[in-house]
Structure formats: structure tokens, C-alpha cells
Amino acid sequence: MANDKKGKVSLNIRRRNNKPKTKNTSSNDESKLKELNKAFDSSKNNKNKTKTEKPAKKDKKEKKEKKPRKLNAYMVFAMEVRESVKKNNPTASIIEIAKKIGEKWRAMSDSEKAKYKK
């Protein structure tokens, strides 16, 4: 790098001779080129094989099965009441049915809700 008079940094770039490549290459050069191509191809193949052929880890802990949680009181109530709400409102959508079940749950007293708590 060289500094100009104004303090700017400039790079000196050397240019290469851009001579066209000759078609006549020696057999030695061709054989080297073939060897390089083979080595390059084999390195690609080796990389792909290592990715797919990795053995599974034996020490890896198995995932524990999750136990389902107990249903809360509202869910127990909703399961019991859902069929009757569907019969009373046959054209209602799932969302409308859920809203009606929620309204019934809110209208219940604490003593009535207690029977669904286990």
C-alpha cells in the first residue's frame, strides 16, 4: 500500500500476462490434472458418506414418555356437557359450543364445581 499526497491509500496491483492457453499440453500436465480431479471427486464422495453413515450414539439417553396430566375440573365438566349442548344446538359451530359450555361453567356456583374437582 502506498499513501498519496492527499493521504488516501491506494493499492499497487500487478497485472498478469493474459496470454491465451495453448492447446498443446504435455501428457504430464494432463495426468496431473486427472489425478487432481479424481482426488477432488473422491473427497466429495467421502464427505457425503460420513454424513449418512454416522453410527447412532449408544450412550444417548432415550426420551422419557410423558405422562398425561390430570384433567382440570372445567375439562371434566366440558366433556360431560358437550353432547347435550350439541343436541340442543345442532347447527352451532365448535367455537359456539365451547362458548356456551364456558357460559354454563361461569354460571355454576363453587359448590357445584367442587364435584368435578377430584
N, C-alpha and C. Protein backbone atom coordinates (compact mmCIF):
# COMPACT_ATOMS: atom_id res chain seq x y z
N MET A 1 0.84 -1.18 0.00
CA MET A 1 0.00 0.00 0.00
C MET A 1 0.88 1.24 0.00
N ALA A 2 0.39 2.22 -0.65
CA ALA A 2 1.14 3.47 -0.73
C ALA A 2 0.20 4.62 -0.44
N ASN A 3 0.73 5.65 0.23
CA ASN A 3 -0.08 6.83 0.54
C ASN A 3 0.10 7.88 -0.55
N ASP A 4 -1.00 8.42 -1.03
CA ASP A 4 -0.95 9.51 -1.99
C ASP A 4 -0.65 10.82 -1.26
N LYS A 5 -0.50 11.88 -2.02
CA LYS A 5 -0.23 13.19 -1.44
C LYS A 5 -1.38 13.67 -0.56
N LYS A 6 -2.61 13.28 -0.91
CA LYS A 6 -3.78 13.73 -0.16
C LYS A 6 -4.07 12.85 1.05
N GLY A 7 -3.28 11.83 1.29
CA GLY A 7 -3.49 10.96 2.44
C GLY A 7 -4.34 9.75 2.13
N LYS A 8 -4.73 9.58 0.87
CA LYS A 8 -5.54 8.43 0.50
C LYS A 8 -4.65 7.23 0.31
N VAL A 9 -5.19 6.09 0.63
CA VAL A 9 -4.45 4.85 0.48
C VAL A 9 -4.80 4.25 -0.86
N SER A 10 -3.79 3.87 -1.60
CA SER A 10 -4.03 3.21 -2.88
C SER A 10 -3.23 1.92 -2.92
N LEU A 11 -3.70 1.00 -3.73
CA LEU A 11 -3.03 -0.29 -3.85
C LEU A 11 -2.34 -0.36 -5.20
N ASN A 12 -1.16 -0.88 -5.17
CA ASN A 12 -0.46 -1.14 -6.42
C ASN A 12 -0.78 -2.56 -6.83
N ILE A 13 -1.39 -2.72 -7.98
CA ILE A 13 -1.81 -4.03 -8.44
C ILE A 13 -0.95 -4.42 -9.64
N ARG A 14 -0.37 -5.59 -9.53
CA ARG A 14 0.41 -6.11 -10.64
C ARG A 14 -0.52 -6.89 -11.54
N ARG A 15 -0.38 -6.67 -12.82
CA ARG A 15 -1.20 -7.39 -13.77
C ARG A 15 -0.41 -8.57 -14.32
N ARG A 16 -1.14 -9.64 -14.53
CA ARG A 16 -0.53 -10.82 -15.11
C ARG A 16 -0.64 -10.75 -16.61
N ASN A 17 0.24 -11.45 -17.25
CA ASN A 17 0.11 -11.56 -18.70
C ASN A 17 -1.11 -12.40 -19.00
N ASN A 18 -1.98 -11.90 -19.77
CA ASN A 18 -3.18 -12.63 -20.15
C ASN A 18 -2.97 -13.32 -21.49
N LYS A 19 -2.02 -14.18 -21.51
CA LYS A 19 -1.75 -14.92 -22.73
C LYS A 19 -2.74 -16.06 -22.83
N PRO A 20 -3.23 -16.33 -24.03
CA PRO A 20 -4.15 -17.46 -24.19
C PRO A 20 -3.41 -18.77 -23.94
N LYS A 21 -4.13 -19.71 -23.34
CA LYS A 21 -3.54 -21.01 -23.06
C LYS A 21 -3.37 -21.77 -24.36
N THR A 22 -2.28 -22.45 -24.44
CA THR A 22 -2.03 -23.22 -25.65
C THR A 22 -2.77 -24.54 -25.54
N LYS A 23 -3.20 -25.05 -26.68
CA LYS A 23 -3.92 -26.30 -26.70
C LYS A 23 -2.98 -27.48 -26.50
N ASN A 24 -1.75 -27.31 -26.85
CA ASN A 24 -0.79 -28.39 -26.72
C ASN A 24 -0.26 -28.43 -25.30
N THR A 25 -0.78 -29.35 -24.52
CA THR A 25 -0.28 -29.54 -23.16
C THR A 25 0.45 -30.85 -23.12
N SER A 26 1.39 -30.92 -22.27
CA SER A 26 2.16 -32.16 -22.19
C SER A 26 1.32 -33.24 -21.51
N SER A 27 1.67 -34.47 -21.75
CA SER A 27 0.92 -35.58 -21.16
C SER A 27 1.08 -35.59 -19.65
N ASN A 28 2.20 -35.07 -19.16
CA ASN A 28 2.45 -35.00 -17.73
C ASN A 28 1.44 -34.07 -17.07
N ASP A 29 1.17 -32.93 -17.71
CA ASP A 29 0.19 -31.98 -17.18
C ASP A 29 -1.21 -32.58 -17.17
N GLU A 30 -1.54 -33.31 -18.21
CA GLU A 30 -2.85 -33.93 -18.31
C GLU A 30 -3.04 -34.98 -17.22
N SER A 31 -2.02 -35.76 -16.97
CA SER A 31 -2.13 -36.80 -15.94
C SER A 31 -2.27 -36.16 -14.55
N LYS A 32 -1.55 -35.07 -14.32
CA LYS A 32 -1.68 -34.36 -13.03
C LYS A 32 -3.10 -33.82 -12.85
N LEU A 33 -3.63 -33.29 -13.96
CA LEU A 33 -4.98 -32.75 -13.91
C LEU A 33 -6.00 -33.84 -13.62
N LYS A 34 -5.85 -35.00 -14.25
CA LYS A 34 -6.75 -36.12 -13.99
C LYS A 34 -6.67 -36.58 -12.54
N GLU A 35 -5.45 -36.64 -11.99
CA GLU A 35 -5.26 -37.05 -10.60
C GLU A 35 -5.94 -36.07 -9.64
N LEU A 36 -5.79 -34.78 -9.94
CA LEU A 36 -6.43 -33.77 -9.10
C LEU A 36 -7.95 -33.89 -9.14
N ASN A 37 -8.50 -34.12 -10.35
CA ASN A 37 -9.94 -34.28 -10.48
C ASN A 37 -10.44 -35.50 -9.72
N LYS A 38 -9.70 -36.60 -9.79
CA LYS A 38 -10.09 -37.80 -9.06
C LYS A 38 -10.05 -37.55 -7.55
N ALA A 39 -9.01 -36.88 -7.09
CA ALA A 39 -8.89 -36.59 -5.67
C ALA A 39 -10.02 -35.69 -5.21
N PHE A 40 -10.37 -34.72 -6.03
CA PHE A 40 -11.46 -33.80 -5.69
C PHE A 40 -12.78 -34.55 -5.62
N ASP A 41 -13.04 -35.41 -6.60
CA ASP A 41 -14.29 -36.17 -6.61
C ASP A 41 -14.37 -37.13 -5.43
N SER A 42 -13.26 -37.78 -5.11
CA SER A 42 -13.28 -38.72 -4.00
C SER A 42 -13.47 -38.00 -2.68
N SER A 43 -12.93 -36.79 -2.56
CA SER A 43 -13.14 -36.04 -1.31
C SER A 43 -14.60 -35.65 -1.17
N LYS A 44 -15.28 -35.33 -2.26
CA LYS A 44 -16.71 -35.03 -2.22
C LYS A 44 -17.49 -36.26 -1.77
N ASN A 45 -17.16 -37.41 -2.35
CA ASN A 45 -17.86 -38.64 -2.01
C ASN A 45 -17.63 -39.02 -0.56
N ASN A 46 -16.42 -38.83 -0.05
CA ASN A 46 -16.13 -39.16 1.34
C ASN A 46 -16.92 -38.28 2.29
N LYS A 47 -17.08 -37.02 1.94
CA LYS A 47 -17.84 -36.12 2.80
C LYS A 47 -19.28 -36.56 2.88
N ASN A 48 -19.87 -36.95 1.76
CA ASN A 48 -21.25 -37.38 1.75
C ASN A 48 -21.43 -38.68 2.52
N LYS A 49 -20.49 -39.58 2.42
CA LYS A 49 -20.60 -40.85 3.12
C LYS A 49 -20.53 -40.65 4.63
N THR A 50 -19.67 -39.76 5.08
CA THR A 50 -19.54 -39.58 6.52
C THR A 50 -20.81 -38.99 7.11
N LYS A 51 -21.52 -38.20 6.35
CA LYS A 51 -22.76 -37.62 6.86
C LYS A 51 -23.85 -38.67 7.01
N THR A 52 -23.95 -39.55 6.05
CA THR A 52 -25.03 -40.53 6.07
C THR A 52 -24.70 -41.78 6.87
N GLU A 53 -23.43 -42.09 7.01
CA GLU A 53 -23.04 -43.32 7.66
C GLU A 53 -22.63 -43.14 9.12
N LYS A 54 -23.03 -42.05 9.75
CA LYS A 54 -22.66 -41.87 11.15
C LYS A 54 -23.40 -42.90 12.00
N PRO A 55 -22.68 -43.60 12.85
CA PRO A 55 -23.37 -44.56 13.72
C PRO A 55 -24.14 -43.83 14.82
N ALA A 56 -25.20 -44.44 15.24
CA ALA A 56 -26.01 -43.84 16.29
C ALA A 56 -25.26 -43.93 17.62
N LYS A 57 -25.42 -42.93 18.44
CA LYS A 57 -24.75 -42.93 19.74
C LYS A 57 -25.44 -43.91 20.67
N LYS A 58 -24.68 -44.76 21.29
CA LYS A 58 -25.25 -45.75 22.19
C LYS A 58 -25.52 -45.17 23.57
N ASP A 59 -24.74 -44.16 23.94
CA ASP A 59 -24.88 -43.58 25.27
C ASP A 59 -26.00 -42.55 25.35
N LYS A 60 -26.60 -42.26 24.23
CA LYS A 60 -27.64 -41.24 24.20
C LYS A 60 -28.85 -41.71 25.01
N LYS A 61 -29.32 -40.85 25.90
CA LYS A 61 -30.45 -41.20 26.75
C LYS A 61 -31.72 -41.23 25.92
N GLU A 62 -32.53 -42.22 26.19
CA GLU A 62 -33.80 -42.32 25.49
C GLU A 62 -34.77 -41.31 26.07
N LYS A 63 -35.65 -40.83 25.22
CA LYS A 63 -36.62 -39.86 25.69
C LYS A 63 -37.62 -40.54 26.61
N LYS A 64 -37.91 -39.87 27.69
CA LYS A 64 -38.88 -40.40 28.63
C LYS A 64 -40.27 -40.14 28.09
N GLU A 65 -41.13 -41.10 28.32
CA GLU A 65 -42.52 -40.92 27.91
C GLU A 65 -43.18 -39.96 28.88
N LYS A 66 -43.88 -38.99 28.31
CA LYS A 66 -44.56 -38.02 29.15
C LYS A 66 -45.90 -38.59 29.60
N LYS A 67 -46.15 -38.51 30.88
CA LYS A 67 -47.43 -38.96 31.41
C LYS A 67 -48.45 -37.86 31.18
N PRO A 68 -49.64 -38.23 30.75
CA PRO A 68 -50.65 -37.19 30.55
C PRO A 68 -51.07 -36.58 31.88
N ARG A 69 -51.30 -35.30 31.84
CA ARG A 69 -51.73 -34.60 33.05
C ARG A 69 -53.17 -34.95 33.37
N LYS A 70 -53.52 -34.76 34.62
CA LYS A 70 -54.91 -34.95 35.03
C LYS A 70 -55.73 -33.81 34.45
N LEU A 71 -56.95 -34.13 34.08
CA LEU A 71 -57.84 -33.09 33.56
C LEU A 71 -58.29 -32.19 34.70
N ASN A 72 -58.36 -30.90 34.42
CA ASN A 72 -58.86 -29.99 35.45
C ASN A 72 -60.39 -30.07 35.49
N ALA A 73 -60.97 -29.43 36.46
CA ALA A 73 -62.41 -29.53 36.70
C ALA A 73 -63.21 -29.05 35.50
N TYR A 74 -62.79 -27.98 34.87
CA TYR A 74 -63.51 -27.45 33.71
C TYR A 74 -63.53 -28.46 32.57
N MET A 75 -62.42 -29.12 32.31
CA MET A 75 -62.36 -30.07 31.21
C MET A 75 -63.25 -31.28 31.46
N VAL A 76 -63.30 -31.75 32.71
CA VAL A 76 -64.20 -32.86 33.05
C VAL A 76 -65.64 -32.44 32.82
N PHE A 77 -65.98 -31.22 33.28
CA PHE A 77 -67.33 -30.69 33.07
C PHE A 77 -67.64 -30.56 31.58
N ALA A 78 -66.72 -30.04 30.81
CA ALA A 78 -66.94 -29.82 29.39
C ALA A 78 -67.17 -31.14 28.64
N MET A 79 -66.45 -32.18 29.02
CA MET A 79 -66.63 -33.48 28.38
C MET A 79 -68.02 -34.05 28.65
N GLU A 80 -68.52 -33.84 29.87
CA GLU A 80 -69.85 -34.35 30.23
C GLU A 80 -70.96 -33.57 29.54
N VAL A 81 -70.81 -32.27 29.43
CA VAL A 81 -71.87 -31.40 28.96
C VAL A 81 -71.88 -31.25 27.44
N ARG A 82 -70.79 -31.50 26.76
CA ARG A 82 -70.65 -31.23 25.35
C ARG A 82 -71.75 -31.89 24.49
N GLU A 83 -72.07 -33.15 24.76
CA GLU A 83 -73.08 -33.85 23.97
C GLU A 83 -74.45 -33.20 24.09
N SER A 84 -74.82 -32.80 25.30
CA SER A 84 -76.13 -32.18 25.47
C SER A 84 -76.19 -30.81 24.78
N VAL A 85 -75.08 -30.07 24.80
CA VAL A 85 -75.05 -28.76 24.14
C VAL A 85 -75.14 -28.96 22.62
N LYS A 86 -74.50 -30.00 22.09
CA LYS A 86 -74.57 -30.29 20.66
C LYS A 86 -76.01 -30.63 20.24
N LYS A 87 -76.70 -31.41 21.09
CA LYS A 87 -78.08 -31.80 20.76
C LYS A 87 -79.00 -30.59 20.77
N ASN A 88 -78.81 -29.70 21.72
CA ASN A 88 -79.65 -28.50 21.82
C ASN A 88 -79.36 -27.51 20.71
N ASN A 89 -78.13 -27.49 20.18
CA ASN A 89 -77.72 -26.54 19.12
C ASN A 89 -77.06 -27.31 17.97
N PRO A 90 -77.85 -27.98 17.15
CA PRO A 90 -77.25 -28.83 16.11
C PRO A 90 -76.50 -28.05 15.02
N THR A 91 -76.84 -26.80 14.78
CA THR A 91 -76.17 -26.04 13.72
C THR A 91 -75.01 -25.20 14.25
N ALA A 92 -74.77 -25.26 15.55
CA ALA A 92 -73.71 -24.43 16.15
C ALA A 92 -72.33 -24.96 15.76
N SER A 93 -71.39 -24.03 15.59
CA SER A 93 -70.01 -24.41 15.27
C SER A 93 -69.30 -24.84 16.56
N ILE A 94 -68.12 -25.35 16.40
CA ILE A 94 -67.33 -25.81 17.55
C ILE A 94 -67.06 -24.65 18.51
N ILE A 95 -66.77 -23.49 17.94
CA ILE A 95 -66.46 -22.32 18.77
C ILE A 95 -67.69 -21.89 19.56
N GLU A 96 -68.84 -21.90 18.91
CA GLU A 96 -70.07 -21.51 19.60
C GLU A 96 -70.40 -22.49 20.73
N ILE A 97 -70.17 -23.78 20.49
CA ILE A 97 -70.41 -24.79 21.52
C ILE A 97 -69.48 -24.56 22.70
N ALA A 98 -68.23 -24.28 22.42
CA ALA A 98 -67.26 -24.02 23.50
C ALA A 98 -67.66 -22.79 24.31
N LYS A 99 -68.15 -21.76 23.64
CA LYS A 99 -68.58 -20.55 24.34
C LYS A 99 -69.76 -20.84 25.25
N LYS A 100 -70.72 -21.66 24.79
CA LYS A 100 -71.89 -21.99 25.62
C LYS A 100 -71.49 -22.83 26.82
N ILE A 101 -70.55 -23.74 26.63
CA ILE A 101 -70.06 -24.55 27.76
C ILE A 101 -69.39 -23.63 28.78
N GLY A 102 -68.60 -22.67 28.29
CA GLY A 102 -67.94 -21.72 29.19
C GLY A 102 -68.94 -20.87 29.96
N GLU A 103 -70.02 -20.46 29.30
CA GLU A 103 -71.06 -19.68 29.98
C GLU A 103 -71.71 -20.49 31.09
N LYS A 104 -71.98 -21.78 30.80
CA LYS A 104 -72.57 -22.65 31.83
C LYS A 104 -71.62 -22.80 33.02
N TRP A 105 -70.32 -22.95 32.72
CA TRP A 105 -69.33 -23.13 33.79
C TRP A 105 -69.26 -21.89 34.67
N ARG A 106 -69.28 -20.72 34.06
CA ARG A 106 -69.23 -19.47 34.84
C ARG A 106 -70.50 -19.27 35.66
N ALA A 107 -71.61 -19.77 35.18
CA ALA A 107 -72.88 -19.60 35.89
C ALA A 107 -72.98 -20.54 37.10
N MET A 108 -72.19 -21.59 37.14
CA MET A 108 -72.26 -22.55 38.25
C MET A 108 -71.64 -21.97 39.51
N SER A 109 -72.15 -22.41 40.65
CA SER A 109 -71.59 -21.97 41.94
C SER A 109 -70.37 -22.83 42.27
N ASP A 110 -69.62 -22.41 43.29
CA ASP A 110 -68.42 -23.15 43.67
C ASP A 110 -68.75 -24.53 44.20
N SER A 111 -69.88 -24.68 44.88
CA SER A 111 -70.25 -26.00 45.40
C SER A 111 -70.57 -26.96 44.26
N GLU A 112 -71.18 -26.47 43.18
CA GLU A 112 -71.46 -27.32 42.03
C GLU A 112 -70.17 -27.69 41.29
N LYS A 113 -69.22 -26.76 41.23
CA LYS A 113 -67.94 -27.02 40.56
C LYS A 113 -67.10 -28.00 41.36
N ALA A 114 -67.31 -28.07 42.68
CA ALA A 114 -66.49 -28.92 43.53
C ALA A 114 -66.65 -30.40 43.20
N LYS A 115 -67.81 -30.80 42.68
CA LYS A 115 -67.99 -32.22 42.37
C LYS A 115 -67.15 -32.66 41.18
N TYR A 116 -66.71 -31.72 40.33
CA TYR A 116 -65.85 -32.03 39.21
C TYR A 116 -64.37 -32.03 39.57
N LYS A 117 -64.05 -31.46 40.73
CA LYS A 117 -62.65 -31.47 41.19
C LYS A 117 -62.39 -32.79 41.88
N LYS A 118 -61.34 -33.46 41.48
CA LYS A 118 -61.03 -34.75 42.08
C LYS A 118 -59.66 -34.76 42.68
